[in-house]
Amino acid sequence: MIGHVRELWRYPVKSMRGERLGSTDVVCSYGIPGDRGWAVRDETVGEIRGAKKIGALVQLAARYLAPPAGSATPPVEIDLGDGATVRSDDPDVAGVLSARLGRPVTLWPRRPAEDRDHYRRVELPDEAEFRRQLGLLPDEPVPDWSTMAPPDLMAELIEYVGPRGTYFDSFQLHVLTTTSLASLAEATPGASMDVRRFRPNVLVDTGSEPGGFPEIDWCGRHLRIGSVVAEVVQPMSRCVMVTLPQGDLPAERSIMRTLVRETRMDLGIGLDVVEPGRIAEGDPVELL
């Protein structure tokens, strides 16, 4: 036993703020049903985009209008952050989102993995743009993910914006511990620290005191969360998103400086589902 589930989160639209759940099914391939079920496509370049490139996305929030199940992506309602809302089935949703984000965009539900052109990466950033997306200073090292990520995943991410058939950056579930949050807060005095910045699916209560970043050492092991078993594949590498203002949280560039210094930009872990099941707040979490 390493703790229990304190919070459960689902993010209906990639890079928008999500919705907290009391309990949820967890399935293979899609993790929590409906998680990142929708995404915005930048029509200027013809590519699916997140908040690394369209930072204003985190100012918006989304919720499902019907409970998703399996691979289904029911309609969502998007809070535009200015008192207005728009539904995904509104005929003018693309125009409303384009006006709010300041560029021509469209909103898309998940497409089948066979739709390669939908997921294809159109452009690779140069080093300056890459550093901007990661929130790195000129003298800070760029992480070498090729030594950490599985080779088949790296090959997929070179050609496509994420694993085809999903809008995940990489993995089906993202887990973060309260110990890591407390350690990050201690190392970043004065920063506005909040779990919402880091967008986990599962926040595991491992205590309220700082104690390093324990979940990074779980890579290669399995976790049982409720009745779900998932493989811990690798640490979650962070980007500029964790520093952006969202909702009532201000911009906090100091968070990235701490992550670069303390964890080589890692916080939390990415998991793939091995045995589907169900998770509820309060469920035990076991390291297998």
C-alpha atoms as a PDB file:
ATOM      1  CA  MET A   1       0.000   0.000   0.000  1.00  0.00           C
ATOM      2  CA  ILE A   2       1.359   3.406  -0.945  1.00  0.00           C
ATOM      3  CA  GLY A   3      -1.707   5.584  -0.449  1.00  0.00           C
ATOM      4  CA  HIS A   4      -5.233   6.159  -1.678  1.00  0.00           C
ATOM      5  CA  VAL A   5      -6.959   8.066  -4.459  1.00  0.00           C
ATOM      6  CA  ARG A   6      -7.525  11.646  -3.385  1.00  0.00           C
ATOM      7  CA  GLU A   7      -8.769  13.074  -6.710  1.00  0.00           C
ATOM      8  CA  LEU A   8      -9.871  11.770 -10.126  1.00  0.00           C
ATOM      9  CA  TRP A   9      -9.865  13.975 -13.232  1.00  0.00           C
ATOM     10  CA  ARG A  10     -10.972  13.755 -16.849  1.00  0.00           C
ATOM     11  CA  TYR A  11     -10.126  16.328 -19.540  1.00  0.00           C
ATOM     12  CA  PRO A  12     -12.796  16.253 -22.284  1.00  0.00           C
ATOM     13  CA  VAL A  13     -10.875  18.565 -24.653  1.00  0.00           C
ATOM     14  CA  LYS A  14      -7.102  18.340 -25.027  1.00  0.00           C
ATOM     15  CA  SER A  15      -5.376  21.198 -23.131  1.00  0.00           C
ATOM     16  CA  MET A  16      -8.614  22.664 -21.732  1.00  0.00           C
ATOM     17  CA  ARG A  17      -9.399  22.476 -18.029  1.00  0.00           C
ATOM     18  CA  GLY A  18     -11.183  19.306 -16.979  1.00  0.00           C
ATOM     19  CA  GLU A  19     -13.840  17.921 -14.680  1.00  0.00           C
ATOM     20  CA  ARG A  20     -13.392  16.145 -11.369  1.00  0.00           C
ATOM     21  CA  LEU A  21     -14.992  12.712 -10.989  1.00  0.00           C
ATOM     22  CA  GLY A  22     -16.093  10.741  -7.946  1.00  0.00           C
ATOM     23  CA  SER A  23     -15.563   7.422  -9.717  1.00  0.00           C
ATOM     24  CA  THR A  24     -14.929   6.144 -13.229  1.00  0.00           C
ATOM     25  CA  ASP A  25     -14.381   3.076 -15.345  1.00  0.00           C
ATOM     26  CA  VAL A  26     -10.917   2.689 -16.863  1.00  0.00           C
ATOM     27  CA  VAL A  27     -10.458   0.880 -20.182  1.00  0.00           C
ATOM     28  CA  CYS A  28      -7.557  -0.215 -22.350  1.00  0.00           C
ATOM     29  CA  SER A  29      -6.364   2.187 -25.079  1.00  0.00           C
ATOM     30  CA  TYR A  30      -8.465   5.155 -23.878  1.00  0.00           C
ATOM     31  CA  GLY A  31      -7.839   5.178 -20.111  1.00  0.00           C
ATOM     32  CA  ILE A  32     -10.721   7.070 -18.517  1.00  0.00           C
ATOM     33  CA  PRO A  33     -13.534   7.093 -21.107  1.00  0.00           C
ATOM     34  CA  GLY A  34     -13.783  10.506 -22.717  1.00  0.00           C
ATOM     35  CA  ASP A  35     -10.371  11.670 -21.515  1.00  0.00           C
ATOM     36  CA  ARG A  36      -8.970  13.902 -24.267  1.00  0.00           C
ATOM     37  CA  GLY A  37     -11.900  12.816 -26.414  1.00  0.00           C
ATOM     38  CA  TRP A  38     -11.814  16.100 -28.348  1.00  0.00           C
ATOM     39  CA  ALA A  39      -9.043  18.372 -29.649  1.00  0.00           C
ATOM     40  CA  VAL A  40      -8.551  21.641 -31.478  1.00  0.00           C
ATOM     41  CA  ARG A  41      -6.995  21.687 -34.933  1.00  0.00           C
ATOM     42  CA  ASP A  42      -5.113  24.792 -36.050  1.00  0.00           C
ATOM     43  CA  GLU A  43      -6.332  25.289 -39.601  1.00  0.00           C
ATOM     44  CA  THR A  44      -3.505  27.667 -40.519  1.00  0.00           C
ATOM     45  CA  VAL A  45      -1.036  24.775 -40.406  1.00  0.00           C
ATOM     46  CA  GLY A  46      -3.483  21.844 -40.539  1.00  0.00           C
ATOM     47  CA  GLU A  47      -2.370  20.164 -37.313  1.00  0.00           C
ATOM     48  CA  ILE A  48      -3.886  19.132 -33.975  1.00  0.00           C
ATOM     49  CA  ARG A  49      -2.585  21.568 -31.371  1.00  0.00           C
ATOM     50  CA  GLY A  50      -2.438  21.841 -27.569  1.00  0.00           C
ATOM     51  CA  ALA A  51      -1.535  24.576 -25.116  1.00  0.00           C
ATOM     52  CA  LYS A  52       2.200  24.289 -25.805  1.00  0.00           C
ATOM     53  CA  LYS A  53       1.394  26.182 -29.024  1.00  0.00           C
ATOM     54  CA  ILE A  54      -2.017  27.736 -28.222  1.00  0.00           C
ATOM     55  CA  GLY A  55      -1.577  28.835 -24.621  1.00  0.00           C
ATOM     56  CA  ALA A  56      -5.087  30.319 -24.335  1.00  0.00           C
ATOM     57  CA  LEU A  57      -6.566  26.794 -24.428  1.00  0.00           C
ATOM     58  CA  VAL A  58      -5.987  26.395 -20.676  1.00  0.00           C
ATOM     59  CA  GLN A  59      -8.210  29.417 -20.064  1.00  0.00           C
ATOM     60  CA  LEU A  60     -11.129  27.361 -21.406  1.00  0.00           C
ATOM     61  CA  ALA A  61     -12.870  24.487 -19.609  1.00  0.00           C
ATOM     62  CA  ALA A  62     -14.973  21.612 -20.915  1.00  0.00           C
ATOM     63  CA  ARG A  63     -17.519  19.140 -19.579  1.00  0.00           C
ATOM     64  CA  TYR A  64     -19.440  16.277 -21.148  1.00  0.00           C
ATOM     65  CA  LEU A  65     -23.174  16.641 -21.700  1.00  0.00           C
ATOM     66  CA  ALA A  66     -23.638  12.853 -21.416  1.00  0.00           C
ATOM     67  CA  PRO A  67     -21.435  10.245 -19.715  1.00  0.00           C
ATOM     68  CA  PRO A  68     -18.873   8.803 -22.162  1.00  0.00           C
ATOM     69  CA  ALA A  69     -18.268   5.063 -22.284  1.00  0.00           C
ATOM     70  CA  GLY A  70     -15.560   3.069 -24.045  1.00  0.00           C
ATOM     71  CA  SER A  71     -14.319   4.952 -27.094  1.00  0.00           C
ATOM     72  CA  ALA A  72     -17.394   7.220 -27.372  1.00  0.00           C
ATOM     73  CA  THR A  73     -16.999  11.013 -27.393  1.00  0.00           C
ATOM     74  CA  PRO A  74     -20.391  12.592 -26.597  1.00  0.00           C
ATOM     75  CA  PRO A  75     -20.939  16.337 -27.114  1.00  0.00           C
ATOM     76  CA  VAL A  76     -19.208  18.733 -24.747  1.00  0.00           C
ATOM     77  CA  GLU A  77     -19.969  22.203 -23.451  1.00  0.00           C
ATOM     78  CA  ILE A  78     -17.007  24.593 -23.438  1.00  0.00           C
ATOM     79  CA  ASP A  79     -16.733  27.436 -20.946  1.00  0.00           C
ATOM     80  CA  LEU A  80     -14.934  30.206 -22.830  1.00  0.00           C
ATOM     81  CA  GLY A  81     -13.683  31.838 -19.638  1.00  0.00           C
ATOM     82  CA  ASP A  82     -15.471  35.111 -20.293  1.00  0.00           C
ATOM     83  CA  GLY A  83     -18.937  34.149 -19.112  1.00  0.00           C
ATOM     84  CA  ALA A  84     -19.974  32.589 -22.435  1.00  0.00           C
ATOM     85  CA  THR A  85     -20.247  28.924 -23.410  1.00  0.00           C
ATOM     86  CA  VAL A  86     -20.472  26.989 -26.652  1.00  0.00           C
ATOM     87  CA  ARG A  87     -21.410  23.378 -27.391  1.00  0.00           C
ATOM     88  CA  SER A  88     -19.448  21.095 -29.667  1.00  0.00           C
ATOM     89  CA  ASP A  89     -22.624  20.438 -31.688  1.00  0.00           C
ATOM     90  CA  ASP A  90     -23.236  24.157 -32.262  1.00  0.00           C
ATOM     91  CA  PRO A  91     -22.921  24.788 -36.035  1.00  0.00           C
ATOM     92  CA  ASP A  92     -20.769  27.856 -35.274  1.00  0.00           C
ATOM     93  CA  VAL A  93     -18.461  26.230 -32.707  1.00  0.00           C
ATOM     94  CA  ALA A  94     -15.418  26.650 -34.985  1.00  0.00           C
ATOM     95  CA  GLY A  95     -16.125  30.363 -35.442  1.00  0.00           C
ATOM     96  CA  VAL A  96     -16.650  30.928 -31.717  1.00  0.00           C
ATOM     97  CA  LEU A  97     -13.428  29.116 -30.773  1.00  0.00           C
ATOM     98  CA  SER A  98     -11.474  30.838 -33.543  1.00  0.00           C
ATOM     99  CA  ALA A  99     -12.555  34.253 -32.253  1.00  0.00           C
ATOM    100  CA  ARG A 100     -11.677  33.321 -28.665  1.00  0.00           C
ATOM    101  CA  LEU A 101      -8.260  31.811 -29.527  1.00  0.00           C
ATOM    102  CA  GLY A 102      -7.284  34.422 -32.112  1.00  0.00           C
ATOM    103  CA  ARG A 103      -6.661  32.001 -34.985  1.00  0.00           C
ATOM    104  CA  PRO A 104      -8.721  29.783 -37.298  1.00  0.00           C
ATOM    105  CA  VAL A 105      -9.406  26.480 -35.543  1.00  0.00           C
ATOM    106  CA  THR A 106     -11.840  23.585 -35.735  1.00  0.00           C
ATOM    107  CA  LEU A 107     -12.965  21.170 -33.002  1.00  0.00           C
ATOM    108  CA  TRP A 108     -12.656  17.432 -33.608  1.00  0.00           C
ATOM    109  CA  PRO A 109     -13.705  14.280 -31.761  1.00  0.00           C
ATOM    110  CA  ARG A 110     -11.227  11.413 -31.723  1.00  0.00           C
ATOM    111  CA  ARG A 111     -10.755   9.821 -35.127  1.00  0.00           C
ATOM    112  CA  PRO A 112      -9.860   6.173 -35.887  1.00  0.00           C
ATOM    113  CA  ALA A 113      -6.161   5.320 -35.828  1.00  0.00           C
ATOM    114  CA  GLU A 114      -6.395   4.547 -39.555  1.00  0.00           C
ATOM    115  CA  ASP A 115      -7.005   8.247 -40.279  1.00  0.00           C
ATOM    116  CA  ARG A 116      -3.272   8.916 -40.444  1.00  0.00           C
ATOM    117  CA  ASP A 117      -3.578  12.344 -42.060  1.00  0.00           C
ATOM    118  CA  HIS A 118      -5.696  13.591 -39.158  1.00  0.00           C
ATOM    119  CA  TYR A 119      -2.940  12.812 -36.649  1.00  0.00           C
ATOM    120  CA  ARG A 120       0.059  13.563 -38.842  1.00  0.00           C
ATOM    121  CA  ARG A 121       2.612  16.053 -37.552  1.00  0.00           C
ATOM    122  CA  VAL A 122       2.966  18.862 -40.087  1.00  0.00           C
ATOM    123  CA  GLU A 123       6.026  20.637 -38.772  1.00  0.00           C
ATOM    124  CA  LEU A 124       8.837  19.936 -36.355  1.00  0.00           C
ATOM    125  CA  PRO A 125       9.909  22.962 -34.268  1.00  0.00           C
ATOM    126  CA  ASP A 126      13.430  24.345 -34.466  1.00  0.00           C
ATOM    127  CA  GLU A 127      15.420  24.534 -31.219  1.00  0.00           C
ATOM    128  CA  ALA A 128      14.245  28.054 -30.343  1.00  0.00           C
ATOM    129  CA  GLU A 129      10.575  27.100 -30.742  1.00  0.00           C
ATOM    130  CA  PHE A 130      11.154  23.811 -28.921  1.00  0.00           C
ATOM    131  CA  ARG A 131      12.632  25.687 -25.958  1.00  0.00           C
ATOM    132  CA  ARG A 132       9.670  28.045 -25.948  1.00  0.00           C
ATOM    133  CA  GLN A 133       7.228  25.143 -25.856  1.00  0.00           C
ATOM    134  CA  LEU A 134       9.131  23.548 -22.987  1.00  0.00           C
ATOM    135  CA  GLY A 135       9.533  26.818 -21.095  1.00  0.00           C
ATOM    136  CA  LEU A 136      13.343  26.489 -21.029  1.00  0.00           C
ATOM    137  CA  LEU A 137      15.914  29.243 -20.680  1.00  0.00           C
ATOM    138  CA  PRO A 138      18.784  29.396 -23.220  1.00  0.00           C
ATOM    139  CA  ASP A 139      21.263  27.818 -20.794  1.00  0.00           C
ATOM    140  CA  GLU A 140      18.999  24.993 -19.627  1.00  0.00           C
ATOM    141  CA  PRO A 141      19.462  21.530 -21.203  1.00  0.00           C
ATOM    142  CA  VAL A 142      16.861  19.987 -23.489  1.00  0.00           C
ATOM    143  CA  PRO A 143      15.919  16.504 -22.202  1.00  0.00           C
ATOM    144  CA  ASP A 144      16.808  13.481 -24.315  1.00  0.00           C
ATOM    145  CA  TRP A 145      13.565  11.490 -24.426  1.00  0.00           C
ATOM    146  CA  SER A 146      15.033   8.971 -26.864  1.00  0.00           C
ATOM    147  CA  THR A 147      16.792   7.277 -23.932  1.00  0.00           C
ATOM    148  CA  MET A 148      13.580   6.966 -21.875  1.00  0.00           C
ATOM    149  CA  ALA A 149      10.573   6.407 -24.152  1.00  0.00           C
ATOM    150  CA  PRO A 150       9.836   3.008 -25.724  1.00  0.00           C
ATOM    151  CA  PRO A 151      11.209   2.950 -29.308  1.00  0.00           C
ATOM    152  CA  ASP A 152       7.806   2.267 -30.893  1.00  0.00           C
ATOM    153  CA  LEU A 153       6.323   5.275 -29.076  1.00  0.00           C
ATOM    154  CA  MET A 154       9.206   7.520 -30.146  1.00  0.00           C
ATOM    155  CA  ALA A 155       8.731   6.467 -33.771  1.00  0.00           C
ATOM    156  CA  GLU A 156       5.008   7.263 -33.523  1.00  0.00           C
ATOM    157  CA  LEU A 157       5.590  10.689 -31.978  1.00  0.00           C
ATOM    158  CA  ILE A 158       8.088  11.719 -34.645  1.00  0.00           C
ATOM    159  CA  GLU A 159       5.479  11.253 -37.366  1.00  0.00           C
ATOM    160  CA  TYR A 160       2.260  11.989 -35.463  1.00  0.00           C
ATOM    161  CA  VAL A 161       1.165  14.483 -32.784  1.00  0.00           C
ATOM    162  CA  GLY A 162       0.331  11.603 -30.412  1.00  0.00           C
ATOM    163  CA  PRO A 163      -0.471   7.899 -30.416  1.00  0.00           C
ATOM    164  CA  ARG A 164      -2.917   7.508 -33.312  1.00  0.00           C
ATOM    165  CA  GLY A 165      -6.505   6.947 -32.274  1.00  0.00           C
ATOM    166  CA  THR A 166      -6.086   9.179 -29.214  1.00  0.00           C
ATOM    167  CA  TYR A 167      -5.304  12.777 -28.351  1.00  0.00           C
ATOM    168  CA  PHE A 168      -2.914  11.796 -25.549  1.00  0.00           C
ATOM    169  CA  ASP A 169       0.583  13.247 -25.632  1.00  0.00           C
ATOM    170  CA  SER A 170       1.865   9.773 -24.846  1.00  0.00           C
ATOM    171  CA  PHE A 171       0.210   7.571 -22.180  1.00  0.00           C
ATOM    172  CA  GLN A 172      -3.282   6.433 -21.218  1.00  0.00           C
ATOM    173  CA  LEU A 173      -3.129   7.528 -17.564  1.00  0.00           C
ATOM    174  CA  HIS A 174      -1.212  10.168 -15.647  1.00  0.00           C
ATOM    175  CA  VAL A 175      -0.608   9.727 -11.900  1.00  0.00           C
ATOM    176  CA  LEU A 176       0.815  12.279  -9.459  1.00  0.00           C
ATOM    177  CA  THR A 177       1.405  12.006  -5.690  1.00  0.00           C
ATOM    178  CA  THR A 178       0.750  14.553  -2.960  1.00  0.00           C
ATOM    179  CA  THR A 179       4.329  13.971  -1.769  1.00  0.00           C
ATOM    180  CA  SER A 180       5.708  15.236  -5.071  1.00  0.00           C
ATOM    181  CA  LEU A 181       3.393  18.246  -5.011  1.00  0.00           C
ATOM    182  CA  ALA A 182       4.532  19.096  -1.484  1.00  0.00           C
ATOM    183  CA  SER A 183       8.198  18.694  -2.470  1.00  0.00           C
ATOM    184  CA  LEU A 184       7.745  20.958  -5.486  1.00  0.00           C
ATOM    185  CA  ALA A 185       5.985  23.569  -3.355  1.00  0.00           C
ATOM    186  CA  GLU A 186       8.771  23.477  -0.767  1.00  0.00           C
ATOM    187  CA  ALA A 187      11.404  23.959  -3.496  1.00  0.00           C
ATOM    188  CA  THR A 188       9.455  26.854  -5.073  1.00  0.00           C
ATOM    189  CA  PRO A 189       8.646  29.206  -2.184  1.00  0.00           C
ATOM    190  CA  GLY A 190       5.942  31.746  -2.905  1.00  0.00           C
ATOM    191  CA  ALA A 191       4.641  29.981  -6.022  1.00  0.00           C
ATOM    192  CA  SER A 192       0.944  29.365  -6.488  1.00  0.00           C
ATOM    193  CA  MET A 193       1.058  25.554  -6.471  1.00  0.00           C
ATOM    194  CA  ASP A 194      -2.076  23.634  -7.400  1.00  0.00           C
ATOM    195  CA  VAL A 195      -2.705  20.147  -8.767  1.00  0.00           C
ATOM    196  CA  ARG A 196      -4.736  21.662 -11.627  1.00  0.00           C
ATOM    197  CA  ARG A 197      -1.521  22.965 -13.220  1.00  0.00           C
ATOM    198  CA  PHE A 198      -0.269  19.407 -13.777  1.00  0.00           C
ATOM    199  CA  ARG A 199      -3.457  17.776 -15.114  1.00  0.00           C
ATOM    200  CA  PRO A 200      -3.185  14.279 -13.608  1.00  0.00           C
ATOM    201  CA  ASN A 201      -5.940  11.715 -13.990  1.00  0.00           C
ATOM    202  CA  VAL A 202      -5.227  10.376 -10.506  1.00  0.00           C
ATOM    203  CA  LEU A 203      -3.849  12.290  -7.542  1.00  0.00           C
ATOM    204  CA  VAL A 204      -2.591   9.735  -5.008  1.00  0.00           C
ATOM    205  CA  ASP A 205      -2.573  10.786  -1.357  1.00  0.00           C
ATOM    206  CA  THR A 206       0.815   9.668  -0.031  1.00  0.00           C
ATOM    207  CA  GLY A 207       0.918  12.195   2.824  1.00  0.00           C
ATOM    208  CA  SER A 208       1.140  15.951   3.106  1.00  0.00           C
ATOM    209  CA  GLU A 209       4.861  16.294   3.843  1.00  0.00           C
ATOM    210  CA  PRO A 210       7.673  16.807   1.301  1.00  0.00           C
ATOM    211  CA  GLY A 211       9.661  13.661   0.633  1.00  0.00           C
ATOM    212  CA  GLY A 212      11.173  13.856  -2.805  1.00  0.00           C
ATOM    213  CA  PHE A 213       9.416  12.607  -5.922  1.00  0.00           C
ATOM    214  CA  PRO A 214       8.705   8.956  -5.101  1.00  0.00           C
ATOM    215  CA  GLU A 215       6.659   7.907  -8.140  1.00  0.00           C
ATOM    216  CA  ILE A 216       9.606   8.456 -10.489  1.00  0.00           C
ATOM    217  CA  ASP A 217      11.193   5.374  -8.881  1.00  0.00           C
ATOM    218  CA  TRP A 218       8.156   3.239  -9.750  1.00  0.00           C
ATOM    219  CA  CYS A 219       8.951   3.065 -13.472  1.00  0.00           C
ATOM    220  CA  GLY A 220       8.941  -0.515 -14.708  1.00  0.00           C
ATOM    221  CA  ARG A 221       6.549  -1.584 -11.937  1.00  0.00           C
ATOM    222  CA  HIS A 222       2.753  -1.920 -11.904  1.00  0.00           C
ATOM    223  CA  LEU A 223       0.175  -0.051  -9.842  1.00  0.00           C
ATOM    224  CA  ARG A 224      -3.180  -1.370  -8.710  1.00  0.00           C
ATOM    225  CA  ILE A 225      -5.558   1.582  -8.371  1.00  0.00           C
ATOM    226  CA  GLY A 226      -8.973   0.406  -7.235  1.00  0.00           C
ATOM    227  CA  SER A 227      -9.512  -2.644  -9.454  1.00  0.00           C
ATOM    228  CA  VAL A 228      -7.340  -1.282 -12.309  1.00  0.00           C
ATOM    229  CA  VAL A 229      -3.810  -2.538 -12.943  1.00  0.00           C
ATOM    230  CA  ALA A 230      -1.522  -0.298 -15.017  1.00  0.00           C
ATOM    231  CA  GLU A 231       2.145  -0.385 -16.007  1.00  0.00           C
ATOM    232  CA  VAL A 232       4.288   2.597 -15.027  1.00  0.00           C
ATOM    233  CA  VAL A 233       6.125   3.342 -18.271  1.00  0.00           C
ATOM    234  CA  GLN A 234       8.138   6.503 -17.603  1.00  0.00           C
ATOM    235  CA  PRO A 235       8.151   9.865 -15.799  1.00  0.00           C
ATOM    236  CA  MET A 236       6.018  12.654 -17.240  1.00  0.00           C
ATOM    237  CA  SER A 237       8.237  15.339 -18.745  1.00  0.00           C
ATOM    238  CA  ARG A 238       6.835  18.835 -18.261  1.00  0.00           C
ATOM    239  CA  CYS A 239       6.451  21.783 -20.609  1.00  0.00           C
ATOM    240  CA  VAL A 240       5.439  25.442 -20.516  1.00  0.00           C
ATOM    241  CA  MET A 241       1.803  24.467 -19.770  1.00  0.00           C
ATOM    242  CA  VAL A 242       2.512  24.114 -16.038  1.00  0.00           C
ATOM    243  CA  THR A 243       3.556  27.780 -15.886  1.00  0.00           C
ATOM    244  CA  LEU A 244       0.557  29.265 -17.715  1.00  0.00           C
ATOM    245  CA  PRO A 245      -2.291  31.158 -16.022  1.00  0.00           C
ATOM    246  CA  GLN A 246      -5.512  29.199 -15.892  1.00  0.00           C
ATOM    247  CA  GLY A 247      -8.767  29.942 -14.099  1.00  0.00           C
ATOM    248  CA  ASP A 248      -7.817  31.614 -10.830  1.00  0.00           C
ATOM    249  CA  LEU A 249      -4.166  30.492 -11.028  1.00  0.00           C
ATOM    250  CA  PRO A 250      -1.596  33.104 -12.082  1.00  0.00           C
ATOM    251  CA  ALA A 251       1.395  32.543 -14.352  1.00  0.00           C
ATOM    252  CA  GLU A 252       4.287  30.926 -12.426  1.00  0.00           C
ATOM    253  CA  ARG A 253       7.502  30.677 -14.434  1.00  0.00           C
ATOM    254  CA  SER A 254       9.435  29.732 -11.293  1.00  0.00           C
ATOM    255  CA  ILE A 255       7.840  26.267 -11.353  1.00  0.00           C
ATOM    256  CA  MET A 256       9.779  25.305 -14.475  1.00  0.00           C
ATOM    257  CA  ARG A 257      13.027  26.587 -12.997  1.00  0.00           C
ATOM    258  CA  THR A 258      12.495  24.271 -10.016  1.00  0.00           C
ATOM    259  CA  LEU A 259      11.601  21.286 -12.195  1.00  0.00           C
ATOM    260  CA  VAL A 260      14.710  21.769 -14.347  1.00  0.00           C
ATOM    261  CA  ARG A 261      16.868  22.008 -11.231  1.00  0.00           C
ATOM    262  CA  GLU A 262      15.290  19.240  -9.129  1.00  0.00           C
ATOM    263  CA  THR A 263      13.919  16.580 -11.506  1.00  0.00           C
ATOM    264  CA  ARG A 264      15.243  17.286 -15.014  1.00  0.00           C
ATOM    265  CA  MET A 265      11.710  18.515 -15.860  1.00  0.00           C
ATOM    266  CA  ASP A 266       9.895  15.362 -14.687  1.00  0.00           C
ATOM    267  CA  LEU A 267       6.840  15.302 -12.419  1.00  0.00           C
ATOM    268  CA  GLY A 268       4.384  12.431 -12.091  1.00  0.00           C
ATOM    269  CA  ILE A 269       4.310   9.245 -14.161  1.00  0.00           C
ATOM    270  CA  GLY A 270       2.709   7.950 -17.351  1.00  0.00           C
ATOM    271  CA  LEU A 271       0.932   4.593 -17.278  1.00  0.00           C
ATOM    272  CA  ASP A 272      -0.703   2.216 -19.748  1.00  0.00           C
ATOM    273  CA  VAL A 273      -3.659   0.085 -18.692  1.00  0.00           C
ATOM    274  CA  VAL A 274      -2.996  -3.651 -18.296  1.00  0.00           C
ATOM    275  CA  GLU A 275      -6.220  -4.750 -16.578  1.00  0.00           C
ATOM    276  CA  PRO A 276      -9.291  -2.495 -16.975  1.00  0.00           C
ATOM    277  CA  GLY A 277     -11.574  -1.900 -14.026  1.00  0.00           C
ATOM    278  CA  ARG A 278     -12.993   0.879 -11.900  1.00  0.00           C
ATOM    279  CA  ILE A 279     -11.507   3.604  -9.701  1.00  0.00           C
ATOM    280  CA  ALA A 280     -13.208   5.746  -7.074  1.00  0.00           C
ATOM    281  CA  GLU A 281     -11.948   8.492  -4.790  1.00  0.00           C
ATOM    282  CA  GLY A 282     -10.721   6.849  -1.591  1.00  0.00           C
ATOM    283  CA  ASP A 283      -9.657   3.608  -3.295  1.00  0.00           C
ATOM    284  CA  PRO A 284      -6.348   2.044  -2.192  1.00  0.00           C
ATOM    285  CA  VAL A 285      -3.284   2.327  -4.408  1.00  0.00           C
ATOM    286  CA  GLU A 286      -0.746  -0.511  -4.357  1.00  0.00           C
ATOM    287  CA  LEU A 287       2.725  -0.788  -5.869  1.00  0.00           C
ATOM    288  CA  LEU A 288       3.056  -4.301  -7.317  1.00  0.00           C
END
